[in-house]
Amino acid sequence: RGRGTCASAFRPASRPGRRRHYNSVVDDAPAESPAERMRIAFELHELAEAMLRQGWVRRHPGAGAEEVEAAVSAWLARRPGADHGDCEGKLVPWPRNG
């Protein structure tokens, strides 16, 4: 029992040479400093903007650089799909008091 099932794929390896499950691999990774995490976040943001620009150019092949930048700026200001932030939940006033 358990061989070849999803459950068996996520069990920690008890013998050398067997695959370890994801959480044990991540838990053993060295923690990044807050500055490193912030640098990674900024790099991801830059990558996302580059992907947004590339998508705009593909959909609008005749668009000039100014038009692409205007579209990216408008998208960043509007952020469709995240009108109230990046997570689900109940809207609350900010800053929270007490």
N, C-alpha and C. Protein backbone atom coordinates (compact mmCIF):
# COMPACT_ATOMS: atom_id res chain seq x y z
N ARG A 1 0.83 -1.18 0.00
CA ARG A 1 0.00 0.00 0.00
C ARG A 1 0.88 1.25 0.00
N GLY A 2 0.44 2.29 -0.71
CA GLY A 2 1.20 3.53 -0.71
C GLY A 2 2.19 3.65 -1.85
N ARG A 3 2.48 2.53 -2.52
CA ARG A 3 3.43 2.59 -3.63
C ARG A 3 2.74 3.17 -4.85
N GLY A 4 3.36 4.19 -5.45
CA GLY A 4 2.84 4.77 -6.67
C GLY A 4 1.67 5.71 -6.46
N THR A 5 1.37 6.01 -5.22
CA THR A 5 0.28 6.95 -4.97
C THR A 5 0.84 8.33 -4.72
N CYS A 6 -0.04 9.32 -4.78
CA CYS A 6 0.39 10.69 -4.48
C CYS A 6 0.95 10.79 -3.07
N ALA A 7 0.32 10.09 -2.15
CA ALA A 7 0.77 10.16 -0.76
C ALA A 7 2.21 9.68 -0.62
N SER A 8 2.57 8.65 -1.37
CA SER A 8 3.94 8.14 -1.23
C SER A 8 4.96 9.10 -1.79
N ALA A 9 4.57 9.96 -2.73
CA ALA A 9 5.51 10.91 -3.32
C ALA A 9 5.90 12.00 -2.34
N PHE A 10 5.06 12.24 -1.33
CA PHE A 10 5.33 13.33 -0.40
C PHE A 10 5.83 12.87 0.96
N ARG A 11 6.06 11.59 1.13
CA ARG A 11 6.62 11.11 2.38
C ARG A 11 8.11 11.41 2.42
N PRO A 12 8.62 11.78 3.59
CA PRO A 12 10.07 12.00 3.68
C PRO A 12 10.84 10.72 3.37
N ALA A 13 11.96 10.87 2.75
CA ALA A 13 12.77 9.69 2.41
C ALA A 13 13.40 9.13 3.68
N SER A 14 13.26 7.84 3.87
CA SER A 14 13.84 7.23 5.05
C SER A 14 15.15 6.51 4.72
N ARG A 15 15.41 6.33 3.43
CA ARG A 15 16.64 5.67 3.01
C ARG A 15 17.47 6.62 2.17
N PRO A 16 18.79 6.55 2.27
CA PRO A 16 19.64 7.40 1.43
C PRO A 16 19.36 7.15 -0.04
N GLY A 17 19.40 8.21 -0.83
CA GLY A 17 19.20 8.07 -2.26
C GLY A 17 17.75 8.24 -2.70
N ARG A 18 16.83 8.17 -1.75
CA ARG A 18 15.42 8.39 -2.10
C ARG A 18 15.13 9.88 -2.13
N ARG A 19 14.16 10.27 -2.94
CA ARG A 19 13.79 11.68 -3.04
C ARG A 19 13.20 12.17 -1.73
N ARG A 20 13.57 13.39 -1.37
CA ARG A 20 12.99 14.01 -0.19
C ARG A 20 11.80 14.84 -0.63
N HIS A 21 10.82 14.99 0.21
CA HIS A 21 9.67 15.79 -0.17
C HIS A 21 10.02 17.29 -0.10
N TYR A 22 9.21 18.07 -0.77
CA TYR A 22 9.49 19.49 -0.99
C TYR A 22 9.75 20.26 0.30
N ASN A 23 8.91 20.11 1.32
CA ASN A 23 9.05 20.91 2.53
C ASN A 23 10.38 20.68 3.23
N SER A 24 10.87 19.47 3.23
CA SER A 24 12.14 19.23 3.91
C SER A 24 13.28 19.87 3.13
N VAL A 25 13.17 19.95 1.82
CA VAL A 25 14.21 20.59 1.02
C VAL A 25 14.19 22.09 1.28
N VAL A 26 13.01 22.69 1.30
CA VAL A 26 12.89 24.13 1.52
C VAL A 26 13.31 24.48 2.94
N ASP A 27 12.93 23.66 3.92
CA ASP A 27 13.29 23.95 5.30
C ASP A 27 14.80 23.94 5.51
N ASP A 28 15.52 23.16 4.73
CA ASP A 28 16.98 23.09 4.87
C ASP A 28 17.70 24.22 4.15
N ALA A 29 16.99 24.97 3.30
CA ALA A 29 17.61 26.05 2.54
C ALA A 29 17.99 27.18 3.49
N PRO A 30 19.13 27.82 3.23
CA PRO A 30 19.50 28.95 4.09
C PRO A 30 18.51 30.10 3.91
N ALA A 31 18.18 30.77 4.99
CA ALA A 31 17.22 31.87 4.95
C ALA A 31 17.89 33.11 4.35
N GLU A 32 17.14 33.82 3.51
CA GLU A 32 17.67 35.05 2.96
C GLU A 32 17.46 36.17 3.97
N SER A 33 18.31 37.16 3.89
CA SER A 33 18.15 38.32 4.75
C SER A 33 16.97 39.14 4.23
N PRO A 34 16.41 40.02 5.05
CA PRO A 34 15.33 40.89 4.57
C PRO A 34 15.75 41.70 3.34
N ALA A 35 16.99 42.16 3.31
CA ALA A 35 17.47 42.93 2.17
C ALA A 35 17.50 42.07 0.90
N GLU A 36 17.89 40.81 1.04
CA GLU A 36 17.93 39.90 -0.10
C GLU A 36 16.52 39.61 -0.60
N ARG A 37 15.58 39.41 0.32
CA ARG A 37 14.19 39.18 -0.09
C ARG A 37 13.63 40.40 -0.81
N MET A 38 13.98 41.61 -0.35
CA MET A 38 13.51 42.83 -1.01
C MET A 38 14.12 42.95 -2.40
N ARG A 39 15.40 42.61 -2.54
CA ARG A 39 16.05 42.65 -3.85
C ARG A 39 15.37 41.69 -4.81
N ILE A 40 15.04 40.51 -4.33
CA ILE A 40 14.34 39.51 -5.16
C ILE A 40 12.97 40.04 -5.58
N ALA A 41 12.26 40.68 -4.64
CA ALA A 41 10.94 41.23 -4.96
C ALA A 41 11.04 42.29 -6.04
N PHE A 42 12.04 43.16 -5.95
CA PHE A 42 12.23 44.19 -6.98
C PHE A 42 12.58 43.56 -8.33
N GLU A 43 13.42 42.54 -8.32
CA GLU A 43 13.76 41.86 -9.57
C GLU A 43 12.53 41.22 -10.20
N LEU A 44 11.68 40.61 -9.37
CA LEU A 44 10.46 40.01 -9.89
C LEU A 44 9.52 41.06 -10.46
N HIS A 45 9.46 42.22 -9.82
CA HIS A 45 8.63 43.31 -10.33
C HIS A 45 9.15 43.77 -11.70
N GLU A 46 10.46 43.94 -11.81
CA GLU A 46 11.04 44.33 -13.10
C GLU A 46 10.76 43.29 -14.18
N LEU A 47 10.85 42.03 -13.83
CA LEU A 47 10.55 40.96 -14.78
C LEU A 47 9.09 41.01 -15.21
N ALA A 48 8.19 41.23 -14.26
CA ALA A 48 6.77 41.31 -14.57
C ALA A 48 6.48 42.48 -15.51
N GLU A 49 7.12 43.62 -15.28
CA GLU A 49 6.94 44.76 -16.17
C GLU A 49 7.46 44.44 -17.57
N ALA A 50 8.60 43.79 -17.66
CA ALA A 50 9.15 43.43 -18.97
C ALA A 50 8.21 42.48 -19.70
N MET A 51 7.60 41.54 -18.98
CA MET A 51 6.65 40.62 -19.59
C MET A 51 5.40 41.36 -20.05
N LEU A 52 4.95 42.32 -19.26
CA LEU A 52 3.79 43.12 -19.63
C LEU A 52 4.07 43.91 -20.91
N ARG A 53 5.26 44.52 -20.99
CA ARG A 53 5.65 45.26 -22.19
C ARG A 53 5.69 44.33 -23.41
N GLN A 54 6.30 43.17 -23.24
CA GLN A 54 6.42 42.22 -24.34
C GLN A 54 5.05 41.78 -24.83
N GLY A 55 4.15 41.52 -23.92
CA GLY A 55 2.80 41.13 -24.29
C GLY A 55 2.08 42.23 -25.06
N TRP A 56 2.28 43.48 -24.62
CA TRP A 56 1.65 44.61 -25.31
C TRP A 56 2.20 44.73 -26.74
N VAL A 57 3.51 44.58 -26.88
CA VAL A 57 4.13 44.67 -28.21
C VAL A 57 3.62 43.56 -29.11
N ARG A 58 3.45 42.36 -28.58
CA ARG A 58 2.92 41.25 -29.39
C ARG A 58 1.49 41.50 -29.85
N ARG A 59 0.68 42.04 -28.95
CA ARG A 59 -0.72 42.30 -29.30
C ARG A 59 -0.88 43.55 -30.17
N HIS A 60 0.07 44.47 -30.10
CA HIS A 60 0.01 45.72 -30.87
C HIS A 60 1.36 45.92 -31.57
N PRO A 61 1.63 45.19 -32.65
CA PRO A 61 2.95 45.22 -33.28
C PRO A 61 3.36 46.59 -33.81
N GLY A 62 2.42 47.46 -34.13
CA GLY A 62 2.78 48.77 -34.65
C GLY A 62 2.95 49.84 -33.59
N ALA A 63 2.82 49.47 -32.31
CA ALA A 63 2.90 50.45 -31.23
C ALA A 63 4.32 50.96 -31.05
N GLY A 64 4.42 52.27 -30.83
CA GLY A 64 5.72 52.86 -30.55
C GLY A 64 6.06 52.73 -29.08
N ALA A 65 7.29 53.09 -28.76
CA ALA A 65 7.78 52.97 -27.38
C ALA A 65 6.94 53.80 -26.41
N GLU A 66 6.54 55.00 -26.82
CA GLU A 66 5.74 55.86 -25.94
C GLU A 66 4.37 55.24 -25.67
N GLU A 67 3.76 54.65 -26.69
CA GLU A 67 2.46 54.01 -26.51
C GLU A 67 2.56 52.80 -25.58
N VAL A 68 3.62 52.03 -25.72
CA VAL A 68 3.83 50.86 -24.86
C VAL A 68 4.01 51.32 -23.41
N GLU A 69 4.84 52.34 -23.20
CA GLU A 69 5.06 52.84 -21.84
C GLU A 69 3.78 53.40 -21.23
N ALA A 70 2.96 54.08 -22.05
CA ALA A 70 1.69 54.61 -21.56
C ALA A 70 0.76 53.48 -21.15
N ALA A 71 0.74 52.40 -21.95
CA ALA A 71 -0.11 51.25 -21.63
C ALA A 71 0.35 50.55 -20.36
N VAL A 72 1.64 50.40 -20.19
CA VAL A 72 2.19 49.76 -18.98
C VAL A 72 1.88 50.62 -17.76
N SER A 73 2.07 51.93 -17.87
CA SER A 73 1.78 52.83 -16.75
C SER A 73 0.31 52.79 -16.38
N ALA A 74 -0.55 52.77 -17.40
CA ALA A 74 -2.00 52.71 -17.14
C ALA A 74 -2.37 51.39 -16.46
N TRP A 75 -1.77 50.30 -16.90
CA TRP A 75 -2.06 49.00 -16.29
C TRP A 75 -1.61 48.98 -14.84
N LEU A 76 -0.41 49.51 -14.57
CA LEU A 76 0.11 49.52 -13.20
C LEU A 76 -0.76 50.38 -12.28
N ALA A 77 -1.31 51.48 -12.83
CA ALA A 77 -2.15 52.35 -12.02
C ALA A 77 -3.51 51.71 -11.76
N ARG A 78 -4.03 50.96 -12.73
CA ARG A 78 -5.36 50.37 -12.64
C ARG A 78 -5.33 48.99 -11.99
N ARG A 79 -4.32 48.18 -12.32
CA ARG A 79 -4.14 46.82 -11.81
C ARG A 79 -5.40 45.99 -11.90
N PRO A 80 -5.86 45.68 -13.10
CA PRO A 80 -7.09 44.90 -13.24
C PRO A 80 -6.98 43.56 -12.51
N GLY A 81 -8.05 43.20 -11.83
CA GLY A 81 -8.07 41.94 -11.09
C GLY A 81 -7.59 42.08 -9.67
N ALA A 82 -7.00 43.23 -9.31
CA ALA A 82 -6.53 43.46 -7.94
C ALA A 82 -6.98 44.84 -7.49
N ASP A 83 -8.25 45.12 -7.75
CA ASP A 83 -8.78 46.45 -7.45
C ASP A 83 -8.66 46.82 -5.97
N HIS A 84 -8.75 45.82 -5.10
CA HIS A 84 -8.71 46.09 -3.66
C HIS A 84 -7.50 45.48 -3.00
N GLY A 85 -6.44 45.22 -3.76
CA GLY A 85 -5.24 44.63 -3.20
C GLY A 85 -4.94 43.28 -3.80
N ASP A 86 -3.93 42.63 -3.31
CA ASP A 86 -3.45 41.39 -3.88
C ASP A 86 -3.98 40.13 -3.22
N CYS A 87 -4.84 40.25 -2.24
CA CYS A 87 -5.31 39.04 -1.58
C CYS A 87 -6.82 39.10 -1.38
N GLU A 88 -7.38 37.94 -1.14
CA GLU A 88 -8.80 37.84 -0.88
C GLU A 88 -9.07 38.22 0.57
N GLY A 89 -10.28 38.59 0.82
CA GLY A 89 -10.65 38.86 2.19
C GLY A 89 -11.54 40.09 2.29
N LYS A 90 -11.88 40.41 3.49
CA LYS A 90 -12.76 41.53 3.78
C LYS A 90 -11.95 42.82 3.78
N LEU A 91 -12.50 43.85 3.13
CA LEU A 91 -11.84 45.16 3.13
C LEU A 91 -11.93 45.77 4.52
N VAL A 92 -10.84 46.31 4.99
CA VAL A 92 -10.82 46.97 6.30
C VAL A 92 -10.17 48.33 6.13
N PRO A 93 -10.51 49.28 6.99
CA PRO A 93 -9.86 50.60 6.89
C PRO A 93 -8.38 50.49 7.25
N TRP A 94 -7.60 51.32 6.64
CA TRP A 94 -6.16 51.30 6.92
C TRP A 94 -5.72 52.69 7.25
N PRO A 95 -4.89 52.93 8.21
CA PRO A 95 -4.32 51.92 9.10
C PRO A 95 -5.36 51.44 10.11
N ARG A 96 -5.15 50.21 10.53
CA ARG A 96 -6.06 49.63 11.52
C ARG A 96 -5.81 50.26 12.87
N ASN A 97 -6.86 50.45 13.58
CA ASN A 97 -6.74 51.01 14.94
C ASN A 97 -7.21 49.97 15.94
N GLY A 98 -6.31 49.62 16.85
CA GLY A 98 -6.63 48.73 17.95
C GLY A 98 -6.97 47.40 17.55
